[in-house]
PDB file of N, CA and C in Angstrom:
ATOM      1  N   UNK A   1     141.996  84.117 103.842  1.00  0.00           N
ATOM      2  CA  UNK A   1     141.428  84.925 104.915  1.00  0.00           C
ATOM      3  C   UNK A   1     140.569  86.058 104.336  1.00  0.00           C
ATOM      4  N   UNK A   2     141.069  86.704 103.289  1.00  0.00           N
ATOM      5  CA  UNK A   2     140.334  87.817 102.685  1.00  0.00           C
ATOM      6  C   UNK A   2     139.010  87.322 102.109  1.00  0.00           C
ATOM      7  N   UNK A   3     139.042  86.148 101.475  1.00  0.00           N
ATOM      8  CA  UNK A   3     137.830  85.611 100.856  1.00  0.00           C
ATOM      9  C   UNK A   3     136.754  85.350 101.913  1.00  0.00           C
ATOM     10  N   UNK A   4     137.187  84.945 103.104  1.00  0.00           N
ATOM     11  CA  UNK A   4     136.248  84.704 104.201  1.00  0.00           C
ATOM     12  C   UNK A   4     135.564  86.014 104.594  1.00  0.00           C
ATOM     13  N   UNK A   5     136.362  87.077 104.711  1.00  0.00           N
ATOM     14  CA  UNK A   5     135.807  88.390 105.050  1.00  0.00           C
ATOM     15  C   UNK A   5     134.850  88.868 103.958  1.00  0.00           C
ATOM     16  N   UNK A   6     135.274  88.680 102.711  1.00  0.00           N
ATOM     17  CA  UNK A   6     134.435  89.077 101.578  1.00  0.00           C
ATOM     18  C   UNK A   6     133.122  88.315 101.631  1.00  0.00           C
ATOM     19  N   UNK A   7     133.222  87.010 101.896  1.00  0.00           N
ATOM     20  CA  UNK A   7     132.039  86.154 101.989  1.00  0.00           C
ATOM     21  C   UNK A   7     131.105  86.657 103.093  1.00  0.00           C
ATOM     22  N   UNK A   8     131.697  86.961 104.242  1.00  0.00           N
ATOM     23  CA  UNK A   8     130.903  87.440 105.379  1.00  0.00           C
ATOM     24  C   UNK A   8     130.228  88.771 105.066  1.00  0.00           C
ATOM     25  N   UNK A   9     130.974  89.662 104.413  1.00  0.00           N
ATOM     26  CA  UNK A   9     130.428  90.974 104.044  1.00  0.00           C
ATOM     27  C   UNK A   9     129.270  90.800 103.064  1.00  0.00           C
ATOM     28  N   UNK A  10     129.482  89.924 102.054  1.00  0.00           N
ATOM     29  CA  UNK A  10     128.434  89.669 101.059  1.00  0.00           C
ATOM     30  C   UNK A  10     127.210  89.063 101.749  1.00  0.00           C
ATOM     31  N   UNK A  11     127.464  88.114 102.643  1.00  0.00           N
ATOM     32  CA  UNK A  11     126.380  87.457 103.380  1.00  0.00           C
ATOM     33  C   UNK A  11     125.622  88.504 104.205  1.00  0.00           C
ATOM     34  N   UNK A  12     126.378  89.348 104.868  1.00  0.00           N
ATOM     35  CA  UNK A  12     125.813  90.407 105.705  1.00  0.00           C
ATOM     36  C   UNK A  12     124.951  91.347 104.865  1.00  0.00           C
ATOM     37  N   UNK A  13     125.491  91.765 103.714  1.00  0.00           N
ATOM     38  CA  UNK A  13     124.785  92.693 102.842  1.00  0.00           C
ATOM     39  C   UNK A  13     123.531  92.061 102.262  1.00  0.00           C
ATOM     40  N   UNK A  14     123.644  90.801 101.840  1.00  0.00           N
ATOM     41  CA  UNK A  14     122.480  90.132 101.265  1.00  0.00           C
ATOM     42  C   UNK A  14     121.422  89.926 102.342  1.00  0.00           C
ATOM     43  N   UNK A  15     121.877  89.670 103.565  1.00  0.00           N
ATOM     44  CA  UNK A  15     120.959  89.541 104.694  1.00  0.00           C
ATOM     45  C   UNK A  15     120.224  90.845 104.919  1.00  0.00           C
ATOM     46  N   UNK A  16     120.958  91.938 104.846  1.00  0.00           N
ATOM     47  CA  UNK A  16     120.360  93.251 105.028  1.00  0.00           C
ATOM     48  C   UNK A  16     119.436  93.586 103.876  1.00  0.00           C
ATOM     49  N   UNK A  17     119.773  93.091 102.688  1.00  0.00           N
ATOM     50  CA  UNK A  17     118.941  93.311 101.517  1.00  0.00           C
ATOM     51  C   UNK A  17     117.589  92.631 101.746  1.00  0.00           C
ATOM     52  N   UNK A  18     117.634  91.407 102.290  1.00  0.00           N
ATOM     53  CA  UNK A  18     116.423  90.650 102.596  1.00  0.00           C
ATOM     54  C   UNK A  18     115.607  91.423 103.620  1.00  0.00           C
ATOM     55  N   UNK A  19     116.280  91.893 104.666  1.00  0.00           N
ATOM     56  CA  UNK A  19     115.651  92.647 105.749  1.00  0.00           C
ATOM     57  C   UNK A  19     114.977  93.894 105.177  1.00  0.00           C
ATOM     58  N   UNK A  20     115.687  94.556 104.265  1.00  0.00           N
ATOM     59  CA  UNK A  20     115.159  95.757 103.617  1.00  0.00           C
ATOM     60  C   UNK A  20     113.863  95.429 102.885  1.00  0.00           C
ATOM     61  N   UNK A  21     113.875  94.287 102.169  1.00  0.00           N
ATOM     62  CA  UNK A  21     112.689  93.879 101.420  1.00  0.00           C
ATOM     63  C   UNK A  21     111.517  93.604 102.349  1.00  0.00           C
ATOM     64  N   UNK A  22     111.809  92.936 103.462  1.00  0.00           N
ATOM     65  CA  UNK A  22     110.767  92.608 104.436  1.00  0.00           C
ATOM     66  C   UNK A  22     110.171  93.888 105.017  1.00  0.00           C
ATOM     67  N   UNK A  23     111.045  94.821 105.405  1.00  0.00           N
ATOM     68  CA  UNK A  23     110.600  96.098 105.974  1.00  0.00           C
ATOM     69  C   UNK A  23     109.788  96.874 104.936  1.00  0.00           C
ATOM     70  N   UNK A  24     110.274  96.871 103.697  1.00  0.00           N
ATOM     71  CA  UNK A  24     109.616  97.556 102.594  1.00  0.00           C
ATOM     72  C   UNK A  24     108.207  96.993 102.399  1.00  0.00           C
ATOM     73  N   UNK A  25     108.113  95.649 102.418  1.00  0.00           N
ATOM     74  CA  UNK A  25     106.837  94.972 102.239  1.00  0.00           C
ATOM     75  C   UNK A  25     105.878  95.327 103.372  1.00  0.00           C
ATOM     76  N   UNK A  26     106.397  95.253 104.604  1.00  0.00           N
ATOM     77  CA  UNK A  26     105.585  95.573 105.784  1.00  0.00           C
ATOM     78  C   UNK A  26     105.079  97.005 105.704  1.00  0.00           C
ATOM     79  N   UNK A  27     105.974  97.904 105.287  1.00  0.00           N
ATOM     80  CA  UNK A  27     105.638  99.322 105.151  1.00  0.00           C
ATOM     81  C   UNK A  27     104.455  99.487 104.197  1.00  0.00           C
ATOM     82  N   UNK A  28     104.543  98.784 103.041  1.00  0.00           N
ATOM     83  CA  UNK A  28     103.475  98.875 102.049  1.00  0.00           C
ATOM     84  C   UNK A  28     102.174  98.294 102.576  1.00  0.00           C
ATOM     85  N   UNK A  29     102.275  97.179 103.291  1.00  0.00           N
ATOM     86  CA  UNK A  29     101.085  96.539 103.861  1.00  0.00           C
ATOM     87  C   UNK A  29     100.416  97.480 104.856  1.00  0.00           C
ATOM     88  N   UNK A  30     101.234  98.094 105.717  1.00  0.00           N
ATOM     89  CA  UNK A  30     100.713  99.017 106.727  1.00  0.00           C
ATOM     90  C   UNK A  30     100.064 100.221 106.054  1.00  0.00           C
ATOM     91  N   UNK A  31     100.736 100.776 105.046  1.00  0.00           N
ATOM     92  CA  UNK A  31     100.214 101.942 104.323  1.00  0.00           C
ATOM     93  C   UNK A  31      98.881 101.595 103.670  1.00  0.00           C
ATOM     94  N   UNK A  32      98.819 100.466 102.956  1.00  0.00           N
ATOM     95  CA  UNK A  32      97.589 100.100 102.253  1.00  0.00           C
ATOM     96  C   UNK A  32      96.479  99.777 103.245  1.00  0.00           C
ATOM     97  N   UNK A  33      96.843  99.166 104.377  1.00  0.00           N
ATOM     98  CA  UNK A  33      95.852  98.860 105.415  1.00  0.00           C
ATOM     99  C   UNK A  33      95.295 100.160 105.991  1.00  0.00           C
ATOM    100  N   UNK A  34      96.200 101.111 106.207  1.00  0.00           N
ATOM    101  CA  UNK A  34      95.813 102.422 106.735  1.00  0.00           C
ATOM    102  C   UNK A  34      94.870 103.121 105.759  1.00  0.00           C
ATOM    103  N   UNK A  35      95.212 103.066 104.467  1.00  0.00           N
ATOM    104  CA  UNK A  35      94.376 103.682 103.437  1.00  0.00           C
ATOM    105  C   UNK A  35      93.009 103.018 103.389  1.00  0.00           C
ATOM    106  N   UNK A  36      93.007 101.694 103.535  1.00  0.00           N
ATOM    107  CA  UNK A  36      91.764 100.933 103.516  1.00  0.00           C
ATOM    108  C   UNK A  36      90.874 101.364 104.672  1.00  0.00           C
ATOM    109  N   UNK A  37      91.494 101.513 105.851  1.00  0.00           N
ATOM    110  CA  UNK A  37      90.757 101.945 107.036  1.00  0.00           C
ATOM    111  C   UNK A  37      90.188 103.342 106.821  1.00  0.00           C
ATOM    112  N   UNK A  38      90.994 104.225 106.236  1.00  0.00           N
ATOM    113  CA  UNK A  38      90.549 105.594 105.965  1.00  0.00           C
ATOM    114  C   UNK A  38      89.361 105.571 105.010  1.00  0.00           C
ATOM    115  N   UNK A  39      89.468 104.761 103.951  1.00  0.00           N
ATOM    116  CA  UNK A  39      88.391 104.656 102.969  1.00  0.00           C
ATOM    117  C   UNK A  39      87.116 104.153 103.628  1.00  0.00           C
ATOM    118  N   UNK A  40      87.265 103.128 104.482  1.00  0.00           N
ATOM    119  CA  UNK A  40      86.102 102.574 105.178  1.00  0.00           C
ATOM    120  C   UNK A  40      85.477 103.627 106.075  1.00  0.00           C
ATOM    121  N   UNK A  41      86.326 104.376 106.777  1.00  0.00           N
ATOM    122  CA  UNK A  41      85.842 105.439 107.661  1.00  0.00           C
ATOM    123  C   UNK A  41      85.099 106.484 106.844  1.00  0.00           C
ATOM    124  N   UNK A  42      85.667 106.854 105.699  1.00  0.00           N
ATOM    125  CA  UNK A  42      85.042 107.856 104.827  1.00  0.00           C
ATOM    126  C   UNK A  42      83.689 107.334 104.346  1.00  0.00           C
ATOM    127  N   UNK A  43      83.643 106.038 103.961  1.00  0.00           N
ATOM    128  CA  UNK A  43      82.392 105.432 103.500  1.00  0.00           C
ATOM    129  C   UNK A  43      81.360 105.465 104.626  1.00  0.00           C
ATOM    130  N   UNK A  44      81.802 105.102 105.841  1.00  0.00           N
ATOM    131  CA  UNK A  44      80.895 105.110 106.997  1.00  0.00           C
ATOM    132  C   UNK A  44      80.370 106.513 107.271  1.00  0.00           C
ATOM    133  N   UNK A  45      81.270 107.496 107.223  1.00  0.00           N
ATOM    134  CA  UNK A  45      80.880 108.892 107.455  1.00  0.00           C
ATOM    135  C   UNK A  45      79.881 109.320 106.381  1.00  0.00           C
ATOM    136  N   UNK A  46      80.169 108.963 105.122  1.00  0.00           N
ATOM    137  CA  UNK A  46      79.268 109.305 104.021  1.00  0.00           C
ATOM    138  C   UNK A  46      77.905 108.664 104.219  1.00  0.00           C
ATOM    139  N   UNK A  47      77.908 107.404 104.671  1.00  0.00           N
ATOM    140  CA  UNK A  47      76.641 106.706 104.912  1.00  0.00           C
ATOM    141  C   UNK A  47      75.855 107.419 106.005  1.00  0.00           C
ATOM    142  N   UNK A  48      76.557 107.809 107.078  1.00  0.00           N
ATOM    143  CA  UNK A  48      75.895 108.493 108.192  1.00  0.00           C
ATOM    144  C   UNK A  48      75.315 109.820 107.728  1.00  0.00           C
ATOM    145  N   UNK A  49      76.104 110.560 106.959  1.00  0.00           N
ATOM    146  CA  UNK A  49      75.629 111.848 106.466  1.00  0.00           C
ATOM    147  C   UNK A  49      74.482 111.647 105.489  1.00  0.00           C
ATOM    148  N   UNK A  50      74.575 110.569 104.715  1.00  0.00           N
ATOM    149  CA  UNK A  50      73.512 110.225 103.770  1.00  0.00           C
ATOM    150  C   UNK A  50      72.221 109.942 104.513  1.00  0.00           C
ATOM    151  N   UNK A  51      72.327 109.208 105.615  1.00  0.00           N
ATOM    152  CA  UNK A  51      71.162 108.878 106.438  1.00  0.00           C
ATOM    153  C   UNK A  51      70.572 110.150 107.040  1.00  0.00           C
ATOM    154  N   UNK A  52      71.456 111.036 107.503  1.00  0.00           N
ATOM    155  CA  UNK A  52      71.004 112.302 108.094  1.00  0.00           C
ATOM    156  C   UNK A  52      70.264 113.111 107.030  1.00  0.00           C
ATOM    157  N   UNK A  53      70.822 113.120 105.824  1.00  0.00           N
ATOM    158  CA  UNK A  53      70.214 113.872 104.727  1.00  0.00           C
ATOM    159  C   UNK A  53      68.841 113.297 104.377  1.00  0.00           C
ATOM    160  N   UNK A  54      68.741 111.951 104.357  1.00  0.00           N
ATOM    161  CA  UNK A  54      67.466 111.331 104.000  1.00  0.00           C
ATOM    162  C   UNK A  54      66.427 111.550 105.095  1.00  0.00           C
ATOM    163  N   UNK A  55      66.882 111.689 106.350  1.00  0.00           N
ATOM    164  CA  UNK A  55      65.962 111.998 107.452  1.00  0.00           C
ATOM    165  C   UNK A  55      65.507 113.449 107.287  1.00  0.00           C
TER     166      UNK A  55
END
Protein backbone atom coordinates (compact mmCIF):
# COMPACT_ATOMS: atom_id res chain seq x y z
CA UNK A 1 0.00 0.00 0.00
CA UNK A 2 2.80 2.42 0.90
CA UNK A 3 4.61 1.73 -2.38
CA UNK A 4 1.44 2.66 -4.27
CA UNK A 5 1.27 6.00 -2.45
CA UNK A 6 4.97 6.58 -3.05
CA UNK A 7 4.46 5.75 -6.73
CA UNK A 8 1.53 8.16 -6.96
CA UNK A 9 3.47 10.92 -5.20
CA UNK A 10 6.47 10.40 -7.50
CA UNK A 11 4.16 10.35 -10.53
CA UNK A 12 2.45 13.51 -9.28
CA UNK A 13 5.76 15.27 -8.67
CA UNK A 14 7.23 14.25 -12.01
CA UNK A 15 4.02 15.41 -13.67
CA UNK A 16 4.38 18.74 -11.94
CA UNK A 17 8.03 18.85 -12.96
CA UNK A 18 6.92 18.44 -16.59
CA UNK A 19 4.28 21.15 -16.10
CA UNK A 20 6.94 23.41 -14.59
CA UNK A 21 9.15 22.88 -17.64
CA UNK A 22 6.29 23.65 -20.01
CA UNK A 23 5.37 26.83 -18.10
CA UNK A 24 9.05 27.81 -17.94
CA UNK A 25 9.40 27.30 -21.70
CA UNK A 26 6.22 29.27 -22.43
CA UNK A 27 7.44 32.05 -20.14
CA UNK A 28 10.71 32.27 -22.07
CA UNK A 29 8.93 32.21 -25.42
CA UNK A 30 6.59 35.00 -24.31
CA UNK A 31 9.48 37.07 -22.91
CA UNK A 32 11.59 36.68 -26.06
CA UNK A 33 8.57 37.40 -28.27
CA UNK A 34 7.86 40.51 -26.22
CA UNK A 35 11.49 41.61 -26.53
CA UNK A 36 11.37 40.98 -30.27
CA UNK A 37 8.24 43.12 -30.56
CA UNK A 38 9.91 45.88 -28.53
CA UNK A 39 13.00 45.74 -30.75
CA UNK A 40 10.85 45.90 -33.88
CA UNK A 41 8.93 48.85 -32.44
CA UNK A 42 12.20 50.59 -31.57
CA UNK A 43 13.51 49.93 -35.11
CA UNK A 44 10.27 51.30 -36.59
CA UNK A 45 10.43 54.39 -34.36
CA UNK A 46 14.09 54.89 -35.32
CA UNK A 47 13.19 54.56 -39.00
CA UNK A 48 10.39 57.11 -38.61
CA UNK A 49 12.66 59.53 -36.78
CA UNK A 50 15.34 58.89 -39.38
CA UNK A 51 12.87 59.77 -42.14
CA UNK A 52 11.83 62.91 -40.26
CA UNK A 53 15.49 63.87 -39.88
CA UNK A 54 16.20 63.30 -43.58
CA UNK A 55 13.16 65.45 -44.48
